Amino acid sequence: MTTDFRALCVELTDCLEKSDWPRQYKPVFEQWIYIARKALAEPEPEGPTDEELLETVRHLYGDQMAADMGAADDLLTARAVLARWGK
């Protein structure tokens, strides 16, 4: 089993397609499968650039030099957070 949200959506949609639903429910599930497939076909949004990430934390520092000194660590932390919880 995967933990990637999009991959989970694909797995769920595949399961819905393969399931033998009672006749009365099939049109509804077919409609939602279509909607899900259409949404999954859209490209994922791009994440922020390094500069955009730094802009979000620079205000936490007292001056530009301190901000530049902590930039590498801040970028690593921000990228780790984005990798875990999304863009």
PDB file of N, CA and C in Angstrom:
ATOM      1  N   MET A   1       0.846  -1.187   0.000  1.00  0.00           N
ATOM      2  CA  MET A   1       0.000   0.000   0.000  1.00  0.00           C
ATOM      3  C   MET A   1       0.886   1.243   0.000  1.00  0.00           C
ATOM      4  N   THR A   2       0.448   2.245  -0.686  1.00  0.00           N
ATOM      5  CA  THR A   2       1.208   3.478  -0.818  1.00  0.00           C
ATOM      6  C   THR A   2       0.672   4.547   0.129  1.00  0.00           C
ATOM      7  N   THR A   3       1.509   5.549   0.418  1.00  0.00           N
ATOM      8  CA  THR A   3       1.066   6.663   1.249  1.00  0.00           C
ATOM      9  C   THR A   3       0.942   7.957   0.454  1.00  0.00           C
ATOM     10  N   ASP A   4       1.299   7.928  -0.819  1.00  0.00           N
ATOM     11  CA  ASP A   4       1.179   9.090  -1.694  1.00  0.00           C
ATOM     12  C   ASP A   4      -0.312   9.308  -1.985  1.00  0.00           C
ATOM     13  N   PHE A   5      -0.808  10.520  -1.731  1.00  0.00           N
ATOM     14  CA  PHE A   5      -2.239  10.794  -1.855  1.00  0.00           C
ATOM     15  C   PHE A   5      -2.761  10.512  -3.255  1.00  0.00           C
ATOM     16  N   ARG A   6      -2.058  10.967  -4.276  1.00  0.00           N
ATOM     17  CA  ARG A   6      -2.523  10.741  -5.645  1.00  0.00           C
ATOM     18  C   ARG A   6      -2.531   9.250  -5.981  1.00  0.00           C
ATOM     19  N   ALA A   7      -1.510   8.538  -5.532  1.00  0.00           N
ATOM     20  CA  ALA A   7      -1.462   7.099  -5.795  1.00  0.00           C
ATOM     21  C   ALA A   7      -2.602   6.384  -5.079  1.00  0.00           C
ATOM     22  N   LEU A   8      -2.936   6.824  -3.871  1.00  0.00           N
ATOM     23  CA  LEU A   8      -4.067   6.245  -3.155  1.00  0.00           C
ATOM     24  C   LEU A   8      -5.371   6.487  -3.911  1.00  0.00           C
ATOM     25  N   CYS A   9      -5.517   7.677  -4.474  1.00  0.00           N
ATOM     26  CA  CYS A   9      -6.712   7.994  -5.259  1.00  0.00           C
ATOM     27  C   CYS A   9      -6.806   7.093  -6.493  1.00  0.00           C
ATOM     28  N   VAL A  10      -5.678   6.841  -7.133  1.00  0.00           N
ATOM     29  CA  VAL A  10      -5.662   5.959  -8.298  1.00  0.00           C
ATOM     30  C   VAL A  10      -6.066   4.548  -7.882  1.00  0.00           C
ATOM     31  N   GLU A  11      -5.503   4.050  -6.767  1.00  0.00           N
ATOM     32  CA  GLU A  11      -5.849   2.711  -6.294  1.00  0.00           C
ATOM     33  C   GLU A  11      -7.343   2.604  -5.972  1.00  0.00           C
ATOM     34  N   LEU A  12      -7.865   3.611  -5.303  1.00  0.00           N
ATOM     35  CA  LEU A  12      -9.282   3.603  -4.949  1.00  0.00           C
ATOM     36  C   LEU A  12     -10.160   3.625  -6.200  1.00  0.00           C
ATOM     37  N   THR A  13      -9.807   4.446  -7.153  1.00  0.00           N
ATOM     38  CA  THR A  13     -10.569   4.524  -8.396  1.00  0.00           C
ATOM     39  C   THR A  13     -10.521   3.198  -9.147  1.00  0.00           C
ATOM     40  N   ASP A  14      -9.339   2.576  -9.176  1.00  0.00           N
ATOM     41  CA  ASP A  14      -9.222   1.262  -9.823  1.00  0.00           C
ATOM     42  C   ASP A  14     -10.123   0.235  -9.144  1.00  0.00           C
ATOM     43  N   CYS A  15     -10.132   0.249  -7.816  1.00  0.00           N
ATOM     44  CA  CYS A  15     -10.989  -0.684  -7.075  1.00  0.00           C
ATOM     45  C   CYS A  15     -12.463  -0.431  -7.366  1.00  0.00           C
ATOM     46  N   LEU A  16     -12.848   0.833  -7.429  1.00  0.00           N
ATOM     47  CA  LEU A  16     -14.247   1.155  -7.738  1.00  0.00           C
ATOM     48  C   LEU A  16     -14.635   0.662  -9.128  1.00  0.00           C
ATOM     49  N   GLU A  17     -13.708   0.798 -10.072  1.00  0.00           N
ATOM     50  CA  GLU A  17     -13.991   0.359 -11.442  1.00  0.00           C
ATOM     51  C   GLU A  17     -14.166  -1.153 -11.527  1.00  0.00           C
ATOM     52  N   LYS A  18     -13.380  -1.881 -10.753  1.00  0.00           N
ATOM     53  CA  LYS A  18     -13.393  -3.341 -10.815  1.00  0.00           C
ATOM     54  C   LYS A  18     -14.502  -3.964  -9.976  1.00  0.00           C
ATOM     55  N   SER A  19     -15.088  -3.213  -9.087  1.00  0.00           N
ATOM     56  CA  SER A  19     -16.100  -3.758  -8.184  1.00  0.00           C
ATOM     57  C   SER A  19     -17.397  -4.052  -8.921  1.00  0.00           C
ATOM     58  N   ASP A  20     -18.096  -5.028  -8.418  1.00  0.00           N
ATOM     59  CA  ASP A  20     -19.374  -5.418  -8.998  1.00  0.00           C
ATOM     60  C   ASP A  20     -20.492  -4.803  -8.162  1.00  0.00           C
ATOM     61  N   TRP A  21     -20.806  -3.544  -8.466  1.00  0.00           N
ATOM     62  CA  TRP A  21     -21.812  -2.820  -7.702  1.00  0.00           C
ATOM     63  C   TRP A  21     -23.210  -3.212  -8.152  1.00  0.00           C
ATOM     64  N   PRO A  22     -24.175  -3.125  -7.257  1.00  0.00           N
ATOM     65  CA  PRO A  22     -25.559  -3.356  -7.671  1.00  0.00           C
ATOM     66  C   PRO A  22     -25.928  -2.386  -8.794  1.00  0.00           C
ATOM     67  N   ARG A  23     -26.781  -2.821  -9.662  1.00  0.00           N
ATOM     68  CA  ARG A  23     -27.165  -2.070 -10.861  1.00  0.00           C
ATOM     69  C   ARG A  23     -27.579  -0.640 -10.550  1.00  0.00           C
ATOM     70  N   GLN A  24     -28.303  -0.414  -9.468  1.00  0.00           N
ATOM     71  CA  GLN A  24     -28.808   0.928  -9.166  1.00  0.00           C
ATOM     72  C   GLN A  24     -27.687   1.916  -8.814  1.00  0.00           C
ATOM     73  N   TYR A  25     -26.535   1.410  -8.369  1.00  0.00           N
ATOM     74  CA  TYR A  25     -25.437   2.304  -7.973  1.00  0.00           C
ATOM     75  C   TYR A  25     -24.425   2.563  -9.095  1.00  0.00           C
ATOM     76  N   LYS A  26     -24.428   1.746 -10.113  1.00  0.00           N
ATOM     77  CA  LYS A  26     -23.405   1.851 -11.157  1.00  0.00           C
ATOM     78  C   LYS A  26     -23.319   3.234 -11.805  1.00  0.00           C
ATOM     79  N   PRO A  27     -24.429   3.861 -12.185  1.00  0.00           N
ATOM     80  CA  PRO A  27     -24.312   5.190 -12.816  1.00  0.00           C
ATOM     81  C   PRO A  27     -23.634   6.214 -11.901  1.00  0.00           C
ATOM     82  N   VAL A  28     -23.929   6.156 -10.632  1.00  0.00           N
ATOM     83  CA  VAL A  28     -23.323   7.107  -9.691  1.00  0.00           C
ATOM     84  C   VAL A  28     -21.825   6.868  -9.590  1.00  0.00           C
ATOM     85  N   PHE A  29     -21.418   5.608  -9.421  1.00  0.00           N
ATOM     86  CA  PHE A  29     -19.994   5.301  -9.316  1.00  0.00           C
ATOM     87  C   PHE A  29     -19.256   5.606 -10.620  1.00  0.00           C
ATOM     88  N   GLU A  30     -19.888   5.336 -11.748  1.00  0.00           N
ATOM     89  CA  GLU A  30     -19.264   5.664 -13.033  1.00  0.00           C
ATOM     90  C   GLU A  30     -19.031   7.163 -13.156  1.00  0.00           C
ATOM     91  N   GLN A  31     -19.993   7.948 -12.684  1.00  0.00           N
ATOM     92  CA  GLN A  31     -19.832   9.404 -12.730  1.00  0.00           C
ATOM     93  C   GLN A  31     -18.667   9.843 -11.857  1.00  0.00           C
ATOM     94  N   TRP A  32     -18.560   9.320 -10.636  1.00  0.00           N
ATOM     95  CA  TRP A  32     -17.473   9.723  -9.744  1.00  0.00           C
ATOM     96  C   TRP A  32     -16.122   9.187 -10.176  1.00  0.00           C
ATOM     97  N   ILE A  33     -16.119   8.029 -10.788  1.00  0.00           N
ATOM     98  CA  ILE A  33     -14.864   7.513 -11.344  1.00  0.00           C
ATOM     99  C   ILE A  33     -14.381   8.435 -12.453  1.00  0.00           C
ATOM    100  N   TYR A  34     -15.295   8.884 -13.307  1.00  0.00           N
ATOM    101  CA  TYR A  34     -14.942   9.823 -14.374  1.00  0.00           C
ATOM    102  C   TYR A  34     -14.374  11.119 -13.791  1.00  0.00           C
ATOM    103  N   ILE A  35     -15.030  11.656 -12.777  1.00  0.00           N
ATOM    104  CA  ILE A  35     -14.568  12.899 -12.139  1.00  0.00           C
ATOM    105  C   ILE A  35     -13.186  12.702 -11.527  1.00  0.00           C
ATOM    106  N   ALA A  36     -12.985  11.573 -10.850  1.00  0.00           N
ATOM    107  CA  ALA A  36     -11.690  11.302 -10.222  1.00  0.00           C
ATOM    108  C   ALA A  36     -10.593  11.146 -11.261  1.00  0.00           C
ATOM    109  N   ARG A  37     -10.870  10.407 -12.321  1.00  0.00           N
ATOM    110  CA  ARG A  37      -9.861  10.214 -13.383  1.00  0.00           C
ATOM    111  C   ARG A  37      -9.502  11.559 -14.032  1.00  0.00           C
ATOM    112  N   LYS A  38     -10.492  12.390 -14.245  1.00  0.00           N
ATOM    113  CA  LYS A  38     -10.238  13.705 -14.848  1.00  0.00           C
ATOM    114  C   LYS A  38      -9.358  14.560 -13.925  1.00  0.00           C
ATOM    115  N   ALA A  39      -9.651  14.537 -12.624  1.00  0.00           N
ATOM    116  CA  ALA A  39      -8.847  15.304 -11.671  1.00  0.00           C
ATOM    117  C   ALA A  39      -7.421  14.756 -11.581  1.00  0.00           C
ATOM    118  N   LEU A  40      -7.275  13.444 -11.612  1.00  0.00           N
ATOM    119  CA  LEU A  40      -5.944  12.835 -11.533  1.00  0.00           C
ATOM    120  C   LEU A  40      -5.125  13.075 -12.795  1.00  0.00           C
ATOM    121  N   ALA A  41      -5.786  13.335 -13.910  1.00  0.00           N
ATOM    122  CA  ALA A  41      -5.079  13.591 -15.161  1.00  0.00           C
ATOM    123  C   ALA A  41      -4.441  14.981 -15.198  1.00  0.00           C
ATOM    124  N   GLU A  42      -4.922  15.879 -14.336  1.00  0.00           N
ATOM    125  CA  GLU A  42      -4.347  17.218 -14.290  1.00  0.00           C
ATOM    126  C   GLU A  42      -2.947  17.159 -13.680  1.00  0.00           C
ATOM    127  N   PRO A  43      -2.018  17.955 -14.194  1.00  0.00           N
ATOM    128  CA  PRO A  43      -0.662  17.925 -13.642  1.00  0.00           C
ATOM    129  C   PRO A  43      -0.638  18.461 -12.208  1.00  0.00           C
ATOM    130  N   GLU A  44       0.286  17.927 -11.427  1.00  0.00           N
ATOM    131  CA  GLU A  44       0.437  18.414 -10.060  1.00  0.00           C
ATOM    132  C   GLU A  44       1.013  19.830 -10.097  1.00  0.00           C
ATOM    133  N   PRO A  45       0.573  20.680  -9.183  1.00  0.00           N
ATOM    134  CA  PRO A  45       1.140  22.023  -9.148  1.00  0.00           C
ATOM    135  C   PRO A  45       2.619  21.977  -8.748  1.00  0.00           C
ATOM    136  N   GLU A  46       3.367  22.903  -9.292  1.00  0.00           N
ATOM    137  CA  GLU A  46       4.785  22.970  -8.951  1.00  0.00           C
ATOM    138  C   GLU A  46       4.958  23.589  -7.577  1.00  0.00           C
ATOM    139  N   GLY A  47       5.966  23.130  -6.882  1.00  0.00           N
ATOM    140  CA  GLY A  47       6.261  23.668  -5.558  1.00  0.00           C
ATOM    141  C   GLY A  47       6.940  25.022  -5.661  1.00  0.00           C
ATOM    142  N   PRO A  48       7.113  25.689  -4.537  1.00  0.00           N
ATOM    143  CA  PRO A  48       7.753  26.999  -4.535  1.00  0.00           C
ATOM    144  C   PRO A  48       9.246  26.901  -4.844  1.00  0.00           C
ATOM    145  N   THR A  49       9.794  27.992  -5.361  1.00  0.00           N
ATOM    146  CA  THR A  49      11.231  28.056  -5.613  1.00  0.00           C
ATOM    147  C   THR A  49      11.957  28.273  -4.297  1.00  0.00           C
ATOM    148  N   ASP A  50      13.275  28.106  -4.316  1.00  0.00           N
ATOM    149  CA  ASP A  50      14.071  28.365  -3.112  1.00  0.00           C
ATOM    150  C   ASP A  50      13.901  29.803  -2.647  1.00  0.00           C
ATOM    151  N   GLU A  51      13.876  30.720  -3.589  1.00  0.00           N
ATOM    152  CA  GLU A  51      13.726  32.136  -3.241  1.00  0.00           C
ATOM    153  C   GLU A  51      12.374  32.399  -2.577  1.00  0.00           C
ATOM    154  N   GLU A  52      11.326  31.790  -3.093  1.00  0.00           N
ATOM    155  CA  GLU A  52      10.002  31.961  -2.482  1.00  0.00           C
ATOM    156  C   GLU A  52       9.965  31.391  -1.066  1.00  0.00           C
ATOM    157  N   LEU A  53      10.625  30.250  -0.874  1.00  0.00           N
ATOM    158  CA  LEU A  53      10.688  29.677   0.476  1.00  0.00           C
ATOM    159  C   LEU A  53      11.452  30.590   1.429  1.00  0.00           C
ATOM    160  N   LEU A  54      12.569  31.126   0.953  1.00  0.00           N
ATOM    161  CA  LEU A  54      13.361  32.018   1.806  1.00  0.00           C
ATOM    162  C   LEU A  54      12.607  33.285   2.164  1.00  0.00           C
ATOM    163  N   GLU A  55      11.810  33.783   1.228  1.00  0.00           N
ATOM    164  CA  GLU A  55      11.025  34.983   1.509  1.00  0.00           C
ATOM    165  C   GLU A  55      10.063  34.771   2.670  1.00  0.00           C
ATOM    166  N   THR A  56       9.586  33.548   2.821  1.00  0.00           N
ATOM    167  CA  THR A  56       8.628  33.283   3.893  1.00  0.00           C
ATOM    168  C   THR A  56       9.274  33.261   5.272  1.00  0.00           C
ATOM    169  N   VAL A  57      10.593  33.035   5.343  1.00  0.00           N
ATOM    170  CA  VAL A  57      11.250  32.964   6.656  1.00  0.00           C
ATOM    171  C   VAL A  57      12.159  34.156   6.956  1.00  0.00           C
ATOM    172  N   ARG A  58      12.485  34.953   5.967  1.00  0.00           N
ATOM    173  CA  ARG A  58      13.420  36.068   6.195  1.00  0.00           C
ATOM    174  C   ARG A  58      12.908  37.055   7.238  1.00  0.00           C
ATOM    175  N   HIS A  59      11.616  37.228   7.315  1.00  0.00           N
ATOM    176  CA  HIS A  59      11.072  38.185   8.281  1.00  0.00           C
ATOM    177  C   HIS A  59      11.297  37.723   9.724  1.00  0.00           C
ATOM    178  N   LEU A  60      11.643  36.462   9.913  1.00  0.00           N
ATOM    179  CA  LEU A  60      11.904  35.951  11.259  1.00  0.00           C
ATOM    180  C   LEU A  60      13.271  36.376  11.787  1.00  0.00           C
ATOM    181  N   TYR A  61      14.158  36.761  10.879  1.00  0.00           N
ATOM    182  CA  TYR A  61      15.514  37.166  11.263  1.00  0.00           C
ATOM    183  C   TYR A  61      15.577  38.674  11.452  1.00  0.00           C
ATOM    184  N   GLY A  62      16.526  39.092  12.268  1.00  0.00           N
ATOM    185  CA  GLY A  62      16.680  40.517  12.545  1.00  0.00           C
ATOM    186  C   GLY A  62      17.312  41.284  11.400  1.00  0.00           C
ATOM    187  N   ASP A  63      18.187  40.648  10.659  1.00  0.00           N
ATOM    188  CA  ASP A  63      18.846  41.345   9.550  1.00  0.00           C
ATOM    189  C   ASP A  63      19.118  40.380   8.397  1.00  0.00           C
ATOM    190  N   GLN A  64      19.506  40.944   7.269  1.00  0.00           N
ATOM    191  CA  GLN A  64      19.724  40.159   6.053  1.00  0.00           C
ATOM    192  C   GLN A  64      20.879  39.174   6.208  1.00  0.00           C
ATOM    193  N   MET A  65      21.950  39.590   6.917  1.00  0.00           N
ATOM    194  CA  MET A  65      23.104  38.711   7.074  1.00  0.00           C
ATOM    195  C   MET A  65      22.719  37.447   7.858  1.00  0.00           C
ATOM    196  N   ALA A  66      21.950  37.618   8.911  1.00  0.00           N
ATOM    197  CA  ALA A  66      21.504  36.464   9.689  1.00  0.00           C
ATOM    198  C   ALA A  66      20.603  35.573   8.836  1.00  0.00           C
ATOM    199  N   ALA A  67      19.780  36.186   8.022  1.00  0.00           N
ATOM    200  CA  ALA A  67      18.895  35.419   7.153  1.00  0.00           C
ATOM    201  C   ALA A  67      19.705  34.593   6.152  1.00  0.00           C
ATOM    202  N   ASP A  68      20.723  35.205   5.576  1.00  0.00           N
ATOM    203  CA  ASP A  68      21.555  34.489   4.606  1.00  0.00           C
ATOM    204  C   ASP A  68      22.346  33.363   5.263  1.00  0.00           C
ATOM    205  N   MET A  69      22.776  33.563   6.512  1.00  0.00           N
ATOM    206  CA  MET A  69      23.536  32.536   7.222  1.00  0.00           C
ATOM    207  C   MET A  69      22.664  31.305   7.511  1.00  0.00           C
ATOM    208  N   GLY A  70      21.405  31.505   7.776  1.00  0.00           N
ATOM    209  CA  GLY A  70      20.513  30.386   8.076  1.00  0.00           C
ATOM    210  C   GLY A  70      19.779  29.850   6.867  1.00  0.00           C
ATOM    211  N   ALA A  71      20.056  30.389   5.693  1.00  0.00           N
ATOM    212  CA  ALA A  71      19.302  30.040   4.495  1.00  0.00           C
ATOM    213  C   ALA A  71      19.392  28.554   4.151  1.00  0.00           C
ATOM    214  N   ALA A  72      20.577  27.981   4.212  1.00  0.00           N
ATOM    215  CA  ALA A  72      20.733  26.579   3.814  1.00  0.00           C
ATOM    216  C   ALA A  72      19.913  25.666   4.723  1.00  0.00           C
ATOM    217  N   ASP A  73      20.000  25.892   6.025  1.00  0.00           N
ATOM    218  CA  ASP A  73      19.227  25.076   6.971  1.00  0.00           C
ATOM    219  C   ASP A  73      17.727  25.285   6.783  1.00  0.00           C
ATOM    220  N   ASP A  74      17.333  26.535   6.572  1.00  0.00           N
ATOM    221  CA  ASP A  74      15.914  26.827   6.377  1.00  0.00           C
ATOM    222  C   ASP A  74      15.373  26.139   5.130  1.00  0.00           C
ATOM    223  N   LEU A  75      16.158  26.136   4.065  1.00  0.00           N
ATOM    224  CA  LEU A  75      15.719  25.479   2.838  1.00  0.00           C
ATOM    225  C   LEU A  75      15.580  23.968   3.035  1.00  0.00           C
ATOM    226  N   LEU A  76      16.532  23.371   3.735  1.00  0.00           N
ATOM    227  CA  LEU A  76      16.444  21.934   3.997  1.00  0.00           C
ATOM    228  C   LEU A  76      15.199  21.606   4.810  1.00  0.00           C
ATOM    229  N   THR A  77      14.938  22.422   5.823  1.00  0.00           N
ATOM    230  CA  THR A  77      13.761  22.202   6.660  1.00  0.00           C
ATOM    231  C   THR A  77      12.481  22.381   5.854  1.00  0.00           C
ATOM    232  N   ALA A  78      12.411  23.456   5.074  1.00  0.00           N
ATOM    233  CA  ALA A  78      11.210  23.727   4.279  1.00  0.00           C
ATOM    234  C   ALA A  78      10.965  22.629   3.248  1.00  0.00           C
ATOM    235  N   ARG A  79      12.011  22.160   2.602  1.00  0.00           N
ATOM    236  CA  ARG A  79      11.855  21.081   1.608  1.00  0.00           C
ATOM    237  C   ARG A  79      11.416  19.782   2.286  1.00  0.00           C
ATOM    238  N   ALA A  80      11.915  19.510   3.481  1.00  0.00           N
ATOM    239  CA  ALA A  80      11.495  18.310   4.221  1.00  0.00           C
ATOM    240  C   ALA A  80      10.013  18.388   4.579  1.00  0.00           C
ATOM    241  N   VAL A  81       9.577  19.587   5.012  1.00  0.00           N
ATOM    242  CA  VAL A  81       8.159  19.771   5.353  1.00  0.00           C
ATOM    243  C   VAL A  81       7.296  19.595   4.102  1.00  0.00           C
ATOM    244  N   LEU A  82       7.706  20.175   2.992  1.00  0.00           N
ATOM    245  CA  LEU A  82       6.932  20.058   1.755  1.00  0.00           C
ATOM    246  C   LEU A  82       6.900  18.612   1.260  1.00  0.00           C
ATOM    247  N   ALA A  83       8.006  17.892   1.414  1.00  0.00           N
ATOM    248  CA  ALA A  83       8.037  16.506   0.980  1.00  0.00           C
ATOM    249  C   ALA A  83       7.073  15.654   1.805  1.00  0.00           C
ATOM    250  N   ARG A  84       6.946  16.009   3.066  1.00  0.00           N
ATOM    251  CA  ARG A  84       6.063  15.232   3.948  1.00  0.00           C
ATOM    252  C   ARG A  84       4.600  15.608   3.789  1.00  0.00           C
ATOM    253  N   TRP A  85       4.297  16.913   3.732  1.00  0.00           N
ATOM    254  CA  TRP A  85       2.902  17.355   3.782  1.00  0.00           C
ATOM    255  C   TRP A  85       2.405  18.029   2.519  1.00  0.00           C
ATOM    256  N   GLY A  86       3.189  18.047   1.475  1.00  0.00           N
ATOM    257  CA  GLY A  86       2.683  18.557   0.205  1.00  0.00           C
ATOM    258  C   GLY A  86       3.121  19.959  -0.132  1.00  0.00           C
ATOM    259  N   LYS A  87       2.656  20.412  -1.293  1.00  0.00           N
ATOM    260  CA  LYS A  87       3.084  21.679  -1.839  1.00  0.00           C
ATOM    261  C   LYS A  87       2.161  22.771  -1.395  1.00  0.00           C
TER     262      LYS A  87
END
